N, C-alpha and C. Protein backbone atom coordinates (compact mmCIF):
# COMPACT_ATOMS: atom_id res chain seq x y z
N UNK A 1 18.65 -21.39 40.39
CA UNK A 1 18.74 -20.10 39.73
C UNK A 1 19.89 -19.31 40.34
N UNK A 2 20.75 -18.74 39.50
CA UNK A 2 21.91 -17.98 39.96
C UNK A 2 21.74 -16.54 39.52
N UNK A 3 22.03 -15.60 40.42
CA UNK A 3 21.85 -14.18 40.13
C UNK A 3 23.15 -13.44 40.38
N UNK A 4 23.45 -12.45 39.52
CA UNK A 4 24.66 -11.62 39.66
C UNK A 4 24.35 -10.20 39.22
N UNK A 5 24.92 -9.22 39.91
CA UNK A 5 24.97 -7.85 39.38
C UNK A 5 26.31 -7.73 38.69
N UNK A 6 26.29 -7.52 37.36
CA UNK A 6 27.56 -7.55 36.62
C UNK A 6 28.07 -6.15 36.27
N UNK A 7 27.22 -5.14 36.46
CA UNK A 7 27.68 -3.77 36.20
C UNK A 7 26.89 -2.83 37.09
N UNK A 8 27.58 -1.80 37.64
CA UNK A 8 26.91 -0.84 38.51
C UNK A 8 27.21 0.59 38.04
N UNK A 9 26.35 1.52 38.45
CA UNK A 9 26.61 2.94 38.24
C UNK A 9 27.63 3.41 39.28
N UNK A 10 28.19 4.60 39.10
CA UNK A 10 29.16 5.14 40.07
C UNK A 10 28.53 5.25 41.45
N UNK A 11 27.23 5.46 41.50
CA UNK A 11 26.52 5.58 42.78
C UNK A 11 26.46 4.26 43.54
N UNK A 12 26.74 3.15 42.84
CA UNK A 12 26.63 1.83 43.44
C UNK A 12 25.35 1.11 43.07
N UNK A 13 24.39 1.84 42.49
CA UNK A 13 23.13 1.21 42.05
C UNK A 13 23.40 0.26 40.89
N UNK A 14 22.61 -0.81 40.82
CA UNK A 14 22.83 -1.78 39.74
C UNK A 14 22.46 -1.19 38.39
N UNK A 15 23.29 -1.56 37.39
CA UNK A 15 23.07 -1.12 36.02
C UNK A 15 22.66 -2.31 35.15
N UNK A 16 23.38 -3.45 35.32
CA UNK A 16 23.02 -4.68 34.60
C UNK A 16 23.03 -5.83 35.60
N UNK A 17 21.92 -6.53 35.63
CA UNK A 17 21.74 -7.66 36.54
C UNK A 17 21.41 -8.88 35.70
N UNK A 18 22.04 -10.02 36.00
CA UNK A 18 21.75 -11.23 35.23
C UNK A 18 21.21 -12.31 36.14
N UNK A 19 20.32 -13.12 35.56
CA UNK A 19 19.74 -14.25 36.29
C UNK A 19 19.86 -15.46 35.36
N UNK A 20 20.44 -16.54 35.87
CA UNK A 20 20.62 -17.75 35.07
C UNK A 20 19.69 -18.84 35.57
N UNK A 21 18.89 -19.37 34.66
CA UNK A 21 17.97 -20.47 34.99
C UNK A 21 18.56 -21.77 34.43
N UNK A 22 19.19 -22.62 35.25
CA UNK A 22 19.87 -23.80 34.73
C UNK A 22 18.94 -24.82 34.07
N UNK A 23 17.73 -24.98 34.59
CA UNK A 23 16.83 -25.99 34.02
C UNK A 23 16.49 -25.67 32.57
N UNK A 24 16.16 -24.41 32.32
CA UNK A 24 15.80 -24.01 30.95
C UNK A 24 17.01 -23.57 30.14
N UNK A 25 18.18 -23.46 30.82
CA UNK A 25 19.42 -23.00 30.18
C UNK A 25 19.23 -21.62 29.56
N UNK A 26 18.65 -20.72 30.35
CA UNK A 26 18.34 -19.37 29.87
C UNK A 26 19.05 -18.35 30.75
N UNK A 27 19.64 -17.35 30.10
CA UNK A 27 20.28 -16.23 30.80
C UNK A 27 19.43 -14.99 30.57
N UNK A 28 18.96 -14.40 31.65
CA UNK A 28 18.21 -13.14 31.55
C UNK A 28 19.14 -11.99 31.91
N UNK A 29 19.06 -10.90 31.13
CA UNK A 29 19.80 -9.68 31.47
C UNK A 29 18.78 -8.56 31.69
N UNK A 30 18.87 -7.91 32.85
CA UNK A 30 17.99 -6.80 33.20
C UNK A 30 18.84 -5.52 33.19
N UNK A 31 18.42 -4.51 32.43
CA UNK A 31 19.14 -3.25 32.32
C UNK A 31 18.35 -2.16 33.06
N UNK A 32 19.06 -1.38 33.89
CA UNK A 32 18.43 -0.36 34.72
C UNK A 32 18.98 1.02 34.39
N UNK A 33 18.16 2.08 34.63
CA UNK A 33 18.68 3.43 34.54
C UNK A 33 19.22 3.85 35.90
N UNK A 34 19.79 5.05 35.97
CA UNK A 34 20.45 5.51 37.20
C UNK A 34 19.45 5.66 38.35
N UNK A 35 18.16 5.85 38.03
CA UNK A 35 17.13 6.00 39.07
C UNK A 35 16.68 4.65 39.63
N UNK A 36 17.16 3.55 39.04
CA UNK A 36 16.81 2.23 39.54
C UNK A 36 15.65 1.57 38.84
N UNK A 37 15.16 2.18 37.74
CA UNK A 37 14.04 1.60 36.99
C UNK A 37 14.58 0.62 35.95
N UNK A 38 13.94 -0.54 35.84
CA UNK A 38 14.34 -1.49 34.80
C UNK A 38 13.82 -0.95 33.46
N UNK A 39 14.74 -0.82 32.48
CA UNK A 39 14.36 -0.23 31.19
C UNK A 39 14.41 -1.23 30.03
N UNK A 40 15.04 -2.38 30.26
CA UNK A 40 15.15 -3.35 29.16
C UNK A 40 15.40 -4.74 29.75
N UNK A 41 14.87 -5.76 29.09
CA UNK A 41 15.06 -7.15 29.52
C UNK A 41 15.41 -7.98 28.30
N UNK A 42 16.48 -8.78 28.41
CA UNK A 42 16.86 -9.71 27.34
C UNK A 42 16.85 -11.11 27.91
N UNK A 43 16.35 -12.06 27.11
CA UNK A 43 16.37 -13.47 27.49
C UNK A 43 17.11 -14.23 26.40
N UNK A 44 18.23 -14.83 26.76
CA UNK A 44 19.02 -15.62 25.80
C UNK A 44 18.97 -17.08 26.19
N UNK A 45 18.58 -17.94 25.27
CA UNK A 45 18.62 -19.37 25.52
C UNK A 45 20.01 -19.86 25.13
N UNK A 46 20.78 -20.31 26.11
CA UNK A 46 22.15 -20.72 25.84
C UNK A 46 22.20 -22.07 25.13
N UNK A 47 21.04 -22.66 24.86
CA UNK A 47 20.99 -23.87 24.05
C UNK A 47 21.16 -23.54 22.57
N UNK A 48 20.99 -22.27 22.21
CA UNK A 48 21.19 -21.85 20.83
C UNK A 48 22.61 -21.32 20.68
N UNK A 49 23.26 -21.71 19.57
CA UNK A 49 24.70 -21.41 19.45
C UNK A 49 25.00 -19.92 19.44
N UNK A 50 24.13 -19.07 18.85
CA UNK A 50 24.43 -17.64 18.81
C UNK A 50 24.39 -17.02 20.20
N UNK A 51 23.40 -17.41 21.00
CA UNK A 51 23.33 -16.90 22.38
C UNK A 51 24.50 -17.42 23.21
N UNK A 52 24.84 -18.70 23.03
CA UNK A 52 25.96 -19.27 23.76
C UNK A 52 27.27 -18.59 23.37
N UNK A 53 27.44 -18.33 22.09
CA UNK A 53 28.64 -17.62 21.62
C UNK A 53 28.76 -16.26 22.29
N UNK A 54 27.66 -15.50 22.33
CA UNK A 54 27.69 -14.18 22.97
C UNK A 54 28.07 -14.29 24.44
N UNK A 55 27.59 -15.34 25.10
CA UNK A 55 27.92 -15.55 26.51
C UNK A 55 29.42 -15.82 26.68
N UNK A 56 30.01 -16.63 25.79
CA UNK A 56 31.40 -17.07 25.95
C UNK A 56 32.41 -15.99 25.56
N UNK A 57 32.04 -15.05 24.69
CA UNK A 57 33.00 -14.05 24.22
C UNK A 57 33.64 -13.33 25.39
N UNK A 58 34.97 -13.19 25.32
CA UNK A 58 35.69 -12.50 26.39
C UNK A 58 36.85 -13.33 26.90
N UNK A 59 37.34 -12.96 28.06
CA UNK A 59 38.56 -13.52 28.61
C UNK A 59 38.25 -14.34 29.86
N UNK A 60 38.83 -15.54 29.91
CA UNK A 60 38.61 -16.47 31.01
C UNK A 60 39.96 -17.00 31.51
N UNK A 61 40.03 -17.31 32.79
CA UNK A 61 41.22 -17.98 33.33
C UNK A 61 40.74 -19.15 34.19
N UNK A 62 41.65 -20.11 34.40
CA UNK A 62 41.30 -21.24 35.25
C UNK A 62 41.25 -20.79 36.70
N UNK A 63 40.16 -21.13 37.36
CA UNK A 63 40.00 -20.78 38.77
C UNK A 63 40.42 -21.93 39.67
N UNK A 64 40.04 -23.16 39.29
CA UNK A 64 40.34 -24.30 40.14
C UNK A 64 40.30 -25.58 39.31
N UNK A 65 41.24 -26.47 39.57
CA UNK A 65 41.25 -27.79 38.93
C UNK A 65 41.32 -28.85 40.01
N UNK A 66 40.34 -29.75 40.00
CA UNK A 66 40.31 -30.87 40.93
C UNK A 66 40.33 -32.17 40.13
N UNK A 67 41.26 -33.07 40.46
CA UNK A 67 41.37 -34.36 39.78
C UNK A 67 41.31 -35.45 40.84
N UNK A 68 40.34 -36.36 40.68
CA UNK A 68 40.13 -37.44 41.66
C UNK A 68 40.10 -36.90 43.09
N UNK A 69 39.30 -35.84 43.29
CA UNK A 69 39.08 -35.19 44.60
C UNK A 69 40.33 -34.52 45.18
N UNK A 70 41.39 -34.38 44.40
CA UNK A 70 42.60 -33.68 44.87
C UNK A 70 42.72 -32.36 44.11
N UNK A 71 42.89 -31.27 44.84
CA UNK A 71 43.02 -29.95 44.21
C UNK A 71 44.41 -29.85 43.58
N UNK A 72 44.44 -29.74 42.26
CA UNK A 72 45.71 -29.65 41.53
C UNK A 72 46.14 -28.20 41.32
N UNK A 73 45.13 -27.28 41.26
CA UNK A 73 45.43 -25.87 41.04
C UNK A 73 44.29 -25.04 41.61
N UNK A 74 44.64 -23.92 42.25
CA UNK A 74 43.65 -22.95 42.69
C UNK A 74 44.27 -21.57 42.58
N UNK A 75 43.58 -20.67 41.88
CA UNK A 75 44.16 -19.35 41.61
C UNK A 75 44.16 -18.48 42.86
N UNK A 76 45.06 -17.50 42.86
CA UNK A 76 45.07 -16.49 43.92
C UNK A 76 43.89 -15.56 43.70
N UNK A 77 43.51 -14.81 44.72
CA UNK A 77 42.38 -13.90 44.59
C UNK A 77 42.75 -12.65 43.80
N UNK A 78 44.05 -12.41 43.62
CA UNK A 78 44.50 -11.24 42.85
C UNK A 78 45.43 -11.72 41.74
N UNK A 79 45.25 -11.15 40.55
CA UNK A 79 46.13 -11.49 39.42
C UNK A 79 47.22 -10.44 39.34
N UNK A 80 48.46 -10.89 39.27
CA UNK A 80 49.59 -9.98 39.06
C UNK A 80 49.87 -9.95 37.56
N UNK A 81 49.80 -8.77 36.95
CA UNK A 81 49.97 -8.67 35.50
C UNK A 81 51.38 -9.05 35.05
N UNK A 82 52.34 -9.08 35.97
CA UNK A 82 53.71 -9.48 35.61
C UNK A 82 53.84 -10.99 35.51
N UNK A 83 52.91 -11.74 36.09
CA UNK A 83 52.98 -13.20 36.00
C UNK A 83 51.57 -13.77 35.82
N UNK A 84 51.01 -13.49 34.65
CA UNK A 84 49.65 -13.94 34.36
C UNK A 84 49.60 -15.45 34.20
N UNK A 85 48.50 -16.08 34.57
CA UNK A 85 48.31 -17.50 34.26
C UNK A 85 47.96 -17.62 32.77
N UNK A 86 47.67 -18.84 32.31
CA UNK A 86 47.18 -18.99 30.95
C UNK A 86 45.86 -18.24 30.82
N UNK A 87 45.74 -17.43 29.77
CA UNK A 87 44.57 -16.61 29.54
C UNK A 87 43.87 -17.13 28.29
N UNK A 88 42.59 -17.45 28.42
CA UNK A 88 41.79 -18.00 27.32
C UNK A 88 40.85 -16.90 26.81
N UNK A 89 41.04 -16.49 25.57
CA UNK A 89 40.24 -15.42 24.99
C UNK A 89 39.36 -15.98 23.88
N UNK A 90 38.06 -15.99 24.13
CA UNK A 90 37.10 -16.45 23.14
C UNK A 90 36.69 -15.28 22.27
N UNK A 91 36.94 -15.41 20.97
CA UNK A 91 36.53 -14.42 19.98
C UNK A 91 35.41 -15.03 19.15
N UNK A 92 34.92 -14.28 18.19
CA UNK A 92 33.81 -14.75 17.37
C UNK A 92 34.14 -16.05 16.62
N UNK A 93 35.38 -16.15 16.11
CA UNK A 93 35.74 -17.33 15.32
C UNK A 93 37.01 -18.02 15.81
N UNK A 94 37.60 -17.53 16.89
CA UNK A 94 38.85 -18.11 17.38
C UNK A 94 38.86 -18.22 18.90
N UNK A 95 39.67 -19.15 19.38
CA UNK A 95 40.03 -19.21 20.79
C UNK A 95 41.54 -19.07 20.85
N UNK A 96 42.01 -18.03 21.54
CA UNK A 96 43.43 -17.78 21.69
C UNK A 96 43.82 -18.04 23.14
N UNK A 97 44.91 -18.77 23.34
CA UNK A 97 45.40 -19.05 24.68
C UNK A 97 46.83 -18.55 24.76
N UNK A 98 47.13 -17.77 25.79
CA UNK A 98 48.50 -17.30 25.97
C UNK A 98 48.87 -17.42 27.44
N UNK A 99 50.11 -17.80 27.68
CA UNK A 99 50.59 -17.97 29.05
C UNK A 99 52.10 -17.93 29.09
N UNK A 100 52.67 -18.15 30.28
CA UNK A 100 54.12 -18.07 30.44
C UNK A 100 54.89 -19.03 29.52
N UNK A 101 54.43 -20.28 29.36
CA UNK A 101 55.13 -21.24 28.51
C UNK A 101 54.21 -21.92 27.52
N UNK A 102 52.94 -21.51 27.51
CA UNK A 102 51.94 -22.22 26.72
C UNK A 102 51.19 -21.24 25.83
N UNK A 103 50.96 -21.62 24.59
CA UNK A 103 50.14 -20.80 23.71
C UNK A 103 49.36 -21.72 22.78
N UNK A 104 48.23 -21.23 22.30
CA UNK A 104 47.42 -22.02 21.38
C UNK A 104 46.57 -21.07 20.55
N UNK A 105 46.26 -21.52 19.36
CA UNK A 105 45.34 -20.77 18.50
C UNK A 105 44.44 -21.78 17.81
N UNK A 106 43.14 -21.63 18.07
CA UNK A 106 42.16 -22.55 17.51
C UNK A 106 41.11 -21.78 16.71
N UNK A 107 40.67 -22.36 15.62
CA UNK A 107 39.43 -21.92 15.01
C UNK A 107 38.34 -22.54 15.86
N UNK A 108 37.36 -21.74 16.26
CA UNK A 108 36.31 -22.24 17.14
C UNK A 108 34.95 -22.13 16.46
N UNK A 109 34.16 -23.17 16.60
CA UNK A 109 32.79 -23.15 16.12
C UNK A 109 31.90 -23.42 17.32
N UNK A 110 30.95 -22.53 17.57
CA UNK A 110 30.05 -22.67 18.70
C UNK A 110 28.89 -23.57 18.29
N UNK A 111 28.62 -24.57 19.13
CA UNK A 111 27.59 -25.56 18.83
C UNK A 111 26.36 -25.32 19.71
N UNK A 112 25.26 -25.97 19.36
CA UNK A 112 24.10 -25.94 20.25
C UNK A 112 24.45 -26.69 21.54
N UNK A 113 23.68 -26.45 22.57
CA UNK A 113 23.85 -27.13 23.86
C UNK A 113 25.20 -26.87 24.50
N UNK A 114 25.64 -25.65 24.50
CA UNK A 114 26.84 -25.17 25.20
C UNK A 114 28.10 -25.97 24.87
N UNK A 115 28.32 -26.22 23.60
CA UNK A 115 29.53 -26.92 23.17
C UNK A 115 30.29 -26.11 22.14
N UNK A 116 31.57 -26.47 21.97
CA UNK A 116 32.40 -25.84 20.94
C UNK A 116 33.18 -26.92 20.20
N UNK A 117 33.57 -26.60 18.99
CA UNK A 117 34.45 -27.46 18.21
C UNK A 117 35.73 -26.68 17.99
N UNK A 118 36.88 -27.29 18.32
CA UNK A 118 38.18 -26.62 18.23
C UNK A 118 39.03 -27.28 17.16
N UNK A 119 39.74 -26.46 16.39
CA UNK A 119 40.66 -26.97 15.38
C UNK A 119 41.86 -26.04 15.35
N UNK A 120 43.02 -26.53 15.80
CA UNK A 120 44.20 -25.68 15.82
C UNK A 120 45.41 -26.36 16.43
N UNK A 121 46.34 -25.55 16.91
CA UNK A 121 47.63 -26.06 17.41
C UNK A 121 47.94 -25.43 18.76
N UNK A 122 48.44 -26.26 19.72
CA UNK A 122 48.99 -25.71 20.95
C UNK A 122 50.49 -25.97 21.00
N UNK A 123 51.19 -25.13 21.75
CA UNK A 123 52.64 -25.24 21.89
C UNK A 123 53.01 -25.01 23.35
N UNK A 124 53.91 -25.85 23.86
CA UNK A 124 54.40 -25.70 25.22
C UNK A 124 55.92 -25.59 25.19
N UNK A 125 56.47 -24.60 25.90
CA UNK A 125 57.92 -24.47 26.01
C UNK A 125 58.53 -23.75 24.81
N UNK A 126 59.86 -23.83 24.74
CA UNK A 126 60.62 -23.16 23.69
C UNK A 126 61.23 -24.20 22.78
N UNK A 127 61.11 -23.98 21.49
CA UNK A 127 61.63 -24.94 20.51
C UNK A 127 63.13 -25.16 20.75
N UNK A 128 63.54 -26.42 20.74
CA UNK A 128 64.94 -26.76 20.99
C UNK A 128 65.17 -27.27 22.40
N UNK A 129 64.28 -26.95 23.33
CA UNK A 129 64.41 -27.43 24.71
C UNK A 129 63.79 -28.82 24.83
N UNK A 130 64.24 -29.61 25.84
CA UNK A 130 63.73 -30.97 26.04
C UNK A 130 62.24 -31.00 26.34
N UNK A 131 61.73 -29.96 27.00
CA UNK A 131 60.32 -29.95 27.41
C UNK A 131 59.38 -29.44 26.31
N UNK A 132 59.94 -29.03 25.18
CA UNK A 132 59.12 -28.45 24.11
C UNK A 132 58.14 -29.49 23.56
N UNK A 133 56.86 -29.09 23.46
CA UNK A 133 55.81 -29.96 22.90
C UNK A 133 54.89 -29.11 22.04
N UNK A 134 54.39 -29.69 20.97
CA UNK A 134 53.36 -29.03 20.16
C UNK A 134 52.46 -30.11 19.57
N UNK A 135 51.19 -29.77 19.39
CA UNK A 135 50.25 -30.78 18.89
C UNK A 135 49.10 -30.10 18.17
N UNK A 136 48.66 -30.72 17.10
CA UNK A 136 47.46 -30.27 16.39
C UNK A 136 46.25 -30.91 17.07
N UNK A 137 45.20 -30.13 17.27
CA UNK A 137 44.01 -30.59 18.00
C UNK A 137 42.76 -30.39 17.15
N UNK A 138 41.95 -31.42 17.10
CA UNK A 138 40.58 -31.28 16.61
C UNK A 138 39.71 -31.93 17.67
N UNK A 139 38.86 -31.14 18.32
CA UNK A 139 38.18 -31.65 19.50
C UNK A 139 36.82 -30.97 19.67
N UNK A 140 35.94 -31.65 20.40
CA UNK A 140 34.68 -31.06 20.84
C UNK A 140 34.69 -31.00 22.36
N UNK A 141 34.36 -29.84 22.91
CA UNK A 141 34.31 -29.66 24.35
C UNK A 141 32.97 -29.07 24.73
N UNK A 142 32.56 -29.36 25.97
CA UNK A 142 31.27 -28.87 26.46
C UNK A 142 31.45 -28.17 27.79
N UNK A 143 30.52 -27.28 28.10
CA UNK A 143 30.60 -26.45 29.30
C UNK A 143 29.32 -26.55 30.10
N UNK A 144 29.49 -26.45 31.41
CA UNK A 144 28.35 -26.33 32.30
C UNK A 144 28.43 -24.93 32.89
N UNK A 145 27.39 -24.16 32.73
CA UNK A 145 27.43 -22.77 33.19
C UNK A 145 26.99 -22.73 34.65
N UNK A 146 27.82 -22.12 35.48
CA UNK A 146 27.51 -21.98 36.90
C UNK A 146 26.86 -20.62 37.14
N UNK A 147 27.44 -19.57 36.55
CA UNK A 147 26.90 -18.22 36.66
C UNK A 147 27.47 -17.42 35.50
N UNK A 148 27.19 -16.12 35.46
CA UNK A 148 27.74 -15.27 34.41
C UNK A 148 29.27 -15.28 34.45
N UNK A 149 29.83 -15.47 35.64
CA UNK A 149 31.28 -15.40 35.82
C UNK A 149 31.98 -16.75 35.83
N UNK A 150 31.27 -17.86 35.98
CA UNK A 150 31.93 -19.15 36.17
C UNK A 150 31.34 -20.23 35.28
N UNK A 151 32.24 -21.07 34.73
CA UNK A 151 31.83 -22.23 33.94
C UNK A 151 32.69 -23.42 34.34
N UNK A 152 32.15 -24.61 34.13
CA UNK A 152 32.93 -25.84 34.26
C UNK A 152 33.23 -26.31 32.85
N UNK A 153 34.51 -26.51 32.55
CA UNK A 153 34.95 -26.99 31.23
C UNK A 153 35.03 -28.51 31.33
N UNK A 154 34.06 -29.20 30.73
CA UNK A 154 33.99 -30.66 30.83
C UNK A 154 35.11 -31.33 30.05
N UNK A 155 35.68 -32.38 30.62
CA UNK A 155 36.74 -33.17 30.00
C UNK A 155 37.89 -32.30 29.48
N UNK A 156 38.27 -31.34 30.28
CA UNK A 156 39.37 -30.43 29.91
C UNK A 156 40.67 -31.19 29.71
N UNK A 157 40.92 -32.18 30.58
CA UNK A 157 42.18 -32.93 30.52
C UNK A 157 42.12 -34.11 29.54
N UNK A 158 40.92 -34.46 29.08
CA UNK A 158 40.76 -35.56 28.12
C UNK A 158 41.31 -36.88 28.67
N UNK A 159 41.16 -37.12 29.97
CA UNK A 159 41.63 -38.37 30.58
C UNK A 159 40.43 -39.11 31.15
N UNK A 160 39.98 -40.15 30.46
CA UNK A 160 38.77 -40.86 30.86
C UNK A 160 38.95 -41.67 32.15
N UNK A 161 40.21 -41.91 32.57
CA UNK A 161 40.46 -42.69 33.79
C UNK A 161 40.42 -41.85 35.05
N UNK A 162 40.34 -40.54 34.90
CA UNK A 162 40.34 -39.66 36.07
C UNK A 162 39.05 -38.85 36.11
N UNK A 163 38.59 -38.57 37.33
CA UNK A 163 37.41 -37.73 37.51
C UNK A 163 37.90 -36.31 37.75
N UNK A 164 37.45 -35.39 36.90
CA UNK A 164 37.98 -34.04 36.97
C UNK A 164 36.86 -33.01 37.06
N UNK A 165 37.18 -31.87 37.65
CA UNK A 165 36.32 -30.69 37.60
C UNK A 165 37.25 -29.50 37.40
N UNK A 166 37.08 -28.82 36.27
CA UNK A 166 37.93 -27.66 35.96
C UNK A 166 37.02 -26.45 35.80
N UNK A 167 37.17 -25.49 36.71
CA UNK A 167 36.32 -24.30 36.74
C UNK A 167 37.09 -23.12 36.17
N UNK A 168 36.44 -22.41 35.24
CA UNK A 168 37.01 -21.19 34.66
C UNK A 168 36.20 -19.99 35.11
N UNK A 169 36.88 -18.84 35.18
CA UNK A 169 36.24 -17.61 35.65
C UNK A 169 36.45 -16.51 34.62
N UNK A 170 35.38 -15.75 34.36
CA UNK A 170 35.46 -14.60 33.45
C UNK A 170 36.24 -13.48 34.14
N UNK A 171 37.16 -12.86 33.43
CA UNK A 171 37.94 -11.76 34.00
C UNK A 171 38.06 -10.64 32.97
N UNK A 172 38.39 -9.46 33.47
CA UNK A 172 38.72 -8.35 32.59
C UNK A 172 40.16 -7.97 32.89
N UNK A 173 41.02 -8.16 31.89
CA UNK A 173 42.43 -7.82 32.06
C UNK A 173 42.67 -6.52 31.32
N UNK A 174 43.33 -5.54 31.95
CA UNK A 174 43.53 -4.25 31.30
C UNK A 174 44.24 -4.40 29.95
N UNK A 175 43.87 -3.52 29.02
CA UNK A 175 44.50 -3.52 27.69
C UNK A 175 45.92 -3.01 27.84
N UNK A 176 46.88 -3.72 27.21
CA UNK A 176 48.27 -3.27 27.25
C UNK A 176 48.56 -2.57 25.92
N UNK A 177 48.90 -1.28 26.00
CA UNK A 177 49.22 -0.52 24.79
C UNK A 177 50.73 -0.55 24.59
N UNK A 178 51.17 -0.82 23.38
CA UNK A 178 52.61 -0.80 23.12
C UNK A 178 52.94 0.37 22.20
N UNK A 179 54.02 1.05 22.53
CA UNK A 179 54.55 2.13 21.70
C UNK A 179 55.97 1.73 21.31
N UNK A 180 56.63 2.56 20.53
CA UNK A 180 57.94 2.15 20.03
C UNK A 180 58.92 1.74 21.12
N UNK A 181 59.01 2.49 22.20
CA UNK A 181 59.97 2.08 23.23
C UNK A 181 59.38 2.07 24.63
N UNK A 182 58.06 2.06 24.75
CA UNK A 182 57.46 1.98 26.08
C UNK A 182 56.24 1.07 26.04
N UNK A 183 55.91 0.54 27.19
CA UNK A 183 54.68 -0.25 27.34
C UNK A 183 53.89 0.36 28.49
N UNK A 184 52.63 0.68 28.23
CA UNK A 184 51.79 1.24 29.29
C UNK A 184 50.62 0.33 29.55
N UNK A 185 50.33 0.14 30.82
CA UNK A 185 49.17 -0.67 31.18
C UNK A 185 48.08 0.29 31.64
N UNK A 186 46.94 0.22 30.97
CA UNK A 186 45.81 1.05 31.38
C UNK A 186 45.17 0.39 32.57
N UNK A 187 45.03 1.11 33.67
CA UNK A 187 44.46 0.59 34.90
C UNK A 187 45.59 0.30 35.88
N UNK A 188 45.37 -0.59 36.83
CA UNK A 188 46.37 -0.87 37.85
C UNK A 188 47.15 -2.12 37.48
N UNK A 189 48.23 -2.40 38.24
CA UNK A 189 49.02 -3.59 37.95
C UNK A 189 48.43 -4.84 38.59
N UNK A 190 47.46 -4.66 39.45
CA UNK A 190 46.81 -5.83 40.05
C UNK A 190 45.33 -5.80 39.71
N UNK A 191 44.79 -6.95 39.38
CA UNK A 191 43.38 -7.05 39.03
C UNK A 191 42.70 -7.92 40.08
N UNK A 192 41.72 -7.37 40.79
CA UNK A 192 40.98 -8.16 41.76
C UNK A 192 39.93 -8.98 41.04
N UNK A 193 39.75 -10.20 41.46
CA UNK A 193 38.82 -11.09 40.79
C UNK A 193 37.52 -11.24 41.56
N UNK A 194 37.13 -10.19 42.25
CA UNK A 194 35.87 -10.26 42.97
C UNK A 194 34.75 -9.83 42.04
N UNK A 195 33.58 -10.41 42.24
CA UNK A 195 32.43 -10.01 41.45
C UNK A 195 32.00 -8.62 41.85
N UNK A 196 31.52 -7.81 40.86
CA UNK A 196 31.05 -6.46 41.19
C UNK A 196 29.87 -6.53 42.16
N UNK A 197 29.79 -5.56 43.01
CA UNK A 197 28.67 -5.51 43.98
C UNK A 197 27.62 -4.53 43.49
């Protein structure tokens, strides 16, 4: 069983607390008032596609990639908004990926048992360059939920000859507002990836 406080009041008291039961694949959300009384309880079975979809909605980044027991990538503890990694945004019907040289847009269908079906195109590099690549994808992927903030994306690399573990982390990246000749970032230029206390 994994437990997290995912939202707090200004006083520091917990506002929303989640408990994940891996055996039953159930996520409980406990909602509290400012006095510390629990006022609402939700139980979502992530084996059902609607509950799983609600869990996945939002922004995720890769936290760590291990291939054949060798760490291939590990994120810094702070994200610099000037050099973001690939950002995976799960929406109700789409998965959008954007990064320094990589982008993708998929129609996504949420399946039972923590799976998704993807149909779309990814692109790497700039058209005309030697490294430019693009490919149409139709795929099914599955996830193992570690906590409210962390998931393992199974067979992310699609290489059956290698043993992989790819961990993604839920993040909140400030909204970037664009105006005719200025760009403003709401919040700070650095985002800490620590779980709320």
